[in-house]
Amino acid sequence: MQWEELTIRNIGGGAMPELFEEALGVILEDIADVNKPADAVRTMEFKISFRTDEEREMGGIIIESKVKLAARKAATGYMHISTDDETLTAYVTNPKQEVEEVHSKRSKLYVVLS
């Protein structure tokens, strides 16, 4: 029986190229996600562990892969805090919307006065 020398292409029955392609696909999908920062660093790591028997003639190989993706962009919002009888309450608010509503009312007012 002729033995094939161990290489990166045939280790684990050809697992390394497959693991690389799979990890690359996951990373490319993450890069395309508009909810993730474009400039975030994504990584792929591979760990190959070797273990032999007492005679050091046979060994096992374990191949592990790990992908680190970008965190989702932080969501932000605004709140209005009110005190009523010593109870604090938070209300959702949008300052941009409130400014637009004021401008809209002023515009309507100007139209009426013109």
C-alpha atoms as a PDB file:
ATOM      1  CA  MET A   1       0.000   0.000   0.000  1.00  0.00           C
ATOM      2  CA  GLN A   2       1.330   3.387  -0.989  1.00  0.00           C
ATOM      3  CA  TRP A   3       0.764   6.171   1.518  1.00  0.00           C
ATOM      4  CA  GLU A   4       0.032   9.744   0.520  1.00  0.00           C
ATOM      5  CA  GLU A   5       2.117  12.359   2.292  1.00  0.00           C
ATOM      6  CA  LEU A   6       0.077  14.653   4.563  1.00  0.00           C
ATOM      7  CA  THR A   7      -0.521  18.154   3.120  1.00  0.00           C
ATOM      8  CA  ILE A   8      -2.815  21.085   3.827  1.00  0.00           C
ATOM      9  CA  ARG A   9      -4.989  19.956   0.893  1.00  0.00           C
ATOM     10  CA  ASN A  10      -5.545  16.374   2.074  1.00  0.00           C
ATOM     11  CA  ILE A  11      -5.470  16.719   5.869  1.00  0.00           C
ATOM     12  CA  GLY A  12      -8.675  15.429   7.435  1.00  0.00           C
ATOM     13  CA  GLY A  13      -9.887  14.058   4.116  1.00  0.00           C
ATOM     14  CA  GLY A  14      -9.656  17.479   2.454  1.00  0.00           C
ATOM     15  CA  ALA A  15     -11.348  19.327   5.287  1.00  0.00           C
ATOM     16  CA  MET A  16      -9.087  22.412   5.327  1.00  0.00           C
ATOM     17  CA  PRO A  17     -10.050  23.813   1.905  1.00  0.00           C
ATOM     18  CA  GLU A  18     -13.711  23.129   2.704  1.00  0.00           C
ATOM     19  CA  LEU A  19     -13.469  24.814   6.110  1.00  0.00           C
ATOM     20  CA  PHE A  20     -11.716  27.803   4.530  1.00  0.00           C
ATOM     21  CA  GLU A  21     -14.374  28.204   1.838  1.00  0.00           C
ATOM     22  CA  GLU A  22     -17.165  27.883   4.405  1.00  0.00           C
ATOM     23  CA  ALA A  23     -15.569  30.473   6.715  1.00  0.00           C
ATOM     24  CA  LEU A  24     -14.940  32.832   3.793  1.00  0.00           C
ATOM     25  CA  GLY A  25     -18.602  32.584   2.772  1.00  0.00           C
ATOM     26  CA  VAL A  26     -19.734  33.476   6.299  1.00  0.00           C
ATOM     27  CA  ILE A  27     -17.341  36.433   6.411  1.00  0.00           C
ATOM     28  CA  LEU A  28     -18.446  37.734   3.005  1.00  0.00           C
ATOM     29  CA  GLU A  29     -22.106  37.577   4.093  1.00  0.00           C
ATOM     30  CA  ASP A  30     -21.191  39.518   7.239  1.00  0.00           C
ATOM     31  CA  ILE A  31     -19.350  42.151   5.179  1.00  0.00           C
ATOM     32  CA  ALA A  32     -22.426  42.587   2.964  1.00  0.00           C
ATOM     33  CA  ASP A  33     -24.737  43.094   5.998  1.00  0.00           C
ATOM     34  CA  VAL A  34     -25.576  46.821   6.133  1.00  0.00           C
ATOM     35  CA  ASN A  35     -26.357  46.463   9.836  1.00  0.00           C
ATOM     36  CA  LYS A  36     -22.662  45.809  10.525  1.00  0.00           C
ATOM     37  CA  PRO A  37     -19.861  48.409  10.446  1.00  0.00           C
ATOM     38  CA  ALA A  38     -18.086  48.286   7.086  1.00  0.00           C
ATOM     39  CA  ASP A  39     -14.642  48.875   8.594  1.00  0.00           C
ATOM     40  CA  ALA A  40     -14.881  46.133  11.239  1.00  0.00           C
ATOM     41  CA  VAL A  41     -12.231  43.415  11.162  1.00  0.00           C
ATOM     42  CA  ARG A  42     -13.450  39.874  10.582  1.00  0.00           C
ATOM     43  CA  THR A  43     -11.159  36.904  11.253  1.00  0.00           C
ATOM     44  CA  MET A  44     -10.978  33.201  10.597  1.00  0.00           C
ATOM     45  CA  GLU A  45      -8.794  30.913  12.682  1.00  0.00           C
ATOM     46  CA  PHE A  46      -7.867  27.292  12.196  1.00  0.00           C
ATOM     47  CA  LYS A  47      -6.449  25.015  14.856  1.00  0.00           C
ATOM     48  CA  ILE A  48      -4.976  21.643  13.975  1.00  0.00           C
ATOM     49  CA  SER A  49      -4.209  19.321  16.874  1.00  0.00           C
ATOM     50  CA  PHE A  50      -2.150  16.151  16.625  1.00  0.00           C
ATOM     51  CA  ARG A  51      -2.222  13.223  19.049  1.00  0.00           C
ATOM     52  CA  THR A  52      -0.218   9.995  18.794  1.00  0.00           C
ATOM     53  CA  ASP A  53      -0.289   6.595  20.410  1.00  0.00           C
ATOM     54  CA  GLU A  54       2.413   5.324  22.812  1.00  0.00           C
ATOM     55  CA  GLU A  55       4.444   3.802  20.001  1.00  0.00           C
ATOM     56  CA  ARG A  56       4.258   7.079  18.072  1.00  0.00           C
ATOM     57  CA  GLU A  57       3.304   5.223  14.934  1.00  0.00           C
ATOM     58  CA  MET A  58      -0.348   6.219  14.593  1.00  0.00           C
ATOM     59  CA  GLY A  59      -1.931   9.520  15.295  1.00  0.00           C
ATOM     60  CA  GLY A  60      -5.157  11.397  15.189  1.00  0.00           C
ATOM     61  CA  ILE A  61      -5.800  14.835  13.805  1.00  0.00           C
ATOM     62  CA  ILE A  62      -8.440  17.281  14.977  1.00  0.00           C
ATOM     63  CA  ILE A  63      -9.204  20.312  12.828  1.00  0.00           C
ATOM     64  CA  GLU A  64     -11.166  23.186  14.317  1.00  0.00           C
ATOM     65  CA  SER A  65     -12.220  26.436  12.687  1.00  0.00           C
ATOM     66  CA  LYS A  66     -13.466  29.625  14.270  1.00  0.00           C
ATOM     67  CA  VAL A  67     -14.866  32.746  12.617  1.00  0.00           C
ATOM     68  CA  LYS A  68     -15.146  36.099  14.361  1.00  0.00           C
ATOM     69  CA  LEU A  69     -17.652  38.474  12.795  1.00  0.00           C
ATOM     70  CA  ALA A  70     -18.434  42.135  13.277  1.00  0.00           C
ATOM     71  CA  ALA A  71     -20.805  43.168  16.027  1.00  0.00           C
ATOM     72  CA  ARG A  72     -24.117  44.657  14.952  1.00  0.00           C
ATOM     73  CA  LYS A  73     -24.233  48.423  14.805  1.00  0.00           C
ATOM     74  CA  ALA A  74     -25.498  49.909  18.030  1.00  0.00           C
ATOM     75  CA  ALA A  75     -29.106  51.049  17.966  1.00  0.00           C
ATOM     76  CA  THR A  76     -29.737  54.474  19.431  1.00  0.00           C
ATOM     77  CA  GLY A  77     -32.794  56.363  20.519  1.00  0.00           C
ATOM     78  CA  TYR A  78     -33.976  59.157  22.742  1.00  0.00           C
ATOM     79  CA  MET A  79     -36.165  59.368  25.802  1.00  0.00           C
ATOM     80  CA  HIS A  80     -37.901  62.036  27.811  1.00  0.00           C
ATOM     81  CA  ILE A  81     -37.739  61.612  31.590  1.00  0.00           C
ATOM     82  CA  SER A  82     -40.616  62.826  33.708  1.00  0.00           C
ATOM     83  CA  THR A  83     -41.175  62.966  37.460  1.00  0.00           C
ATOM     84  CA  ASP A  84     -44.672  62.490  38.821  1.00  0.00           C
ATOM     85  CA  ASP A  85     -45.193  62.118  42.581  1.00  0.00           C
ATOM     86  CA  GLU A  86     -41.559  61.109  43.020  1.00  0.00           C
ATOM     87  CA  THR A  87     -41.887  58.399  40.361  1.00  0.00           C
ATOM     88  CA  LEU A  88     -39.519  58.573  37.416  1.00  0.00           C
ATOM     89  CA  THR A  89     -40.962  57.561  34.064  1.00  0.00           C
ATOM     90  CA  ALA A  90     -39.209  57.387  30.696  1.00  0.00           C
ATOM     91  CA  TYR A  91     -41.048  58.090  27.447  1.00  0.00           C
ATOM     92  CA  VAL A  92     -39.830  57.368  23.937  1.00  0.00           C
ATOM     93  CA  THR A  93     -39.192  60.526  21.961  1.00  0.00           C
ATOM     94  CA  ASN A  94     -37.648  61.532  18.648  1.00  0.00           C
ATOM     95  CA  PRO A  95     -36.169  65.064  18.681  1.00  0.00           C
ATOM     96  CA  LYS A  96     -35.911  65.180  14.873  1.00  0.00           C
ATOM     97  CA  GLN A  97     -39.597  64.381  14.495  1.00  0.00           C
ATOM     98  CA  GLU A  98     -40.560  67.015  17.056  1.00  0.00           C
ATOM     99  CA  VAL A  99     -38.501  69.660  15.228  1.00  0.00           C
ATOM    100  CA  GLU A 100     -40.094  68.672  11.906  1.00  0.00           C
ATOM    101  CA  GLU A 101     -43.574  68.926  13.454  1.00  0.00           C
ATOM    102  CA  VAL A 102     -42.783  72.419  14.775  1.00  0.00           C
ATOM    103  CA  HIS A 103     -41.511  73.493  11.356  1.00  0.00           C
ATOM    104  CA  SER A 104     -44.613  72.002   9.729  1.00  0.00           C
ATOM    105  CA  LYS A 105     -46.899  73.936  12.085  1.00  0.00           C
ATOM    106  CA  ARG A 106     -44.963  77.144  11.423  1.00  0.00           C
ATOM    107  CA  SER A 107     -45.205  76.579   7.687  1.00  0.00           C
ATOM    108  CA  LYS A 108     -48.965  76.118   7.931  1.00  0.00           C
ATOM    109  CA  LEU A 109     -49.150  79.215  10.110  1.00  0.00           C
ATOM    110  CA  TYR A 110     -47.200  81.262   7.563  1.00  0.00           C
ATOM    111  CA  VAL A 111     -49.485  80.015   4.827  1.00  0.00           C
ATOM    112  CA  VAL A 112     -52.538  81.172   6.797  1.00  0.00           C
ATOM    113  CA  LEU A 113     -51.011  84.596   7.530  1.00  0.00           C
ATOM    114  CA  SER A 114     -49.908  85.216   3.940  1.00  0.00           C
END
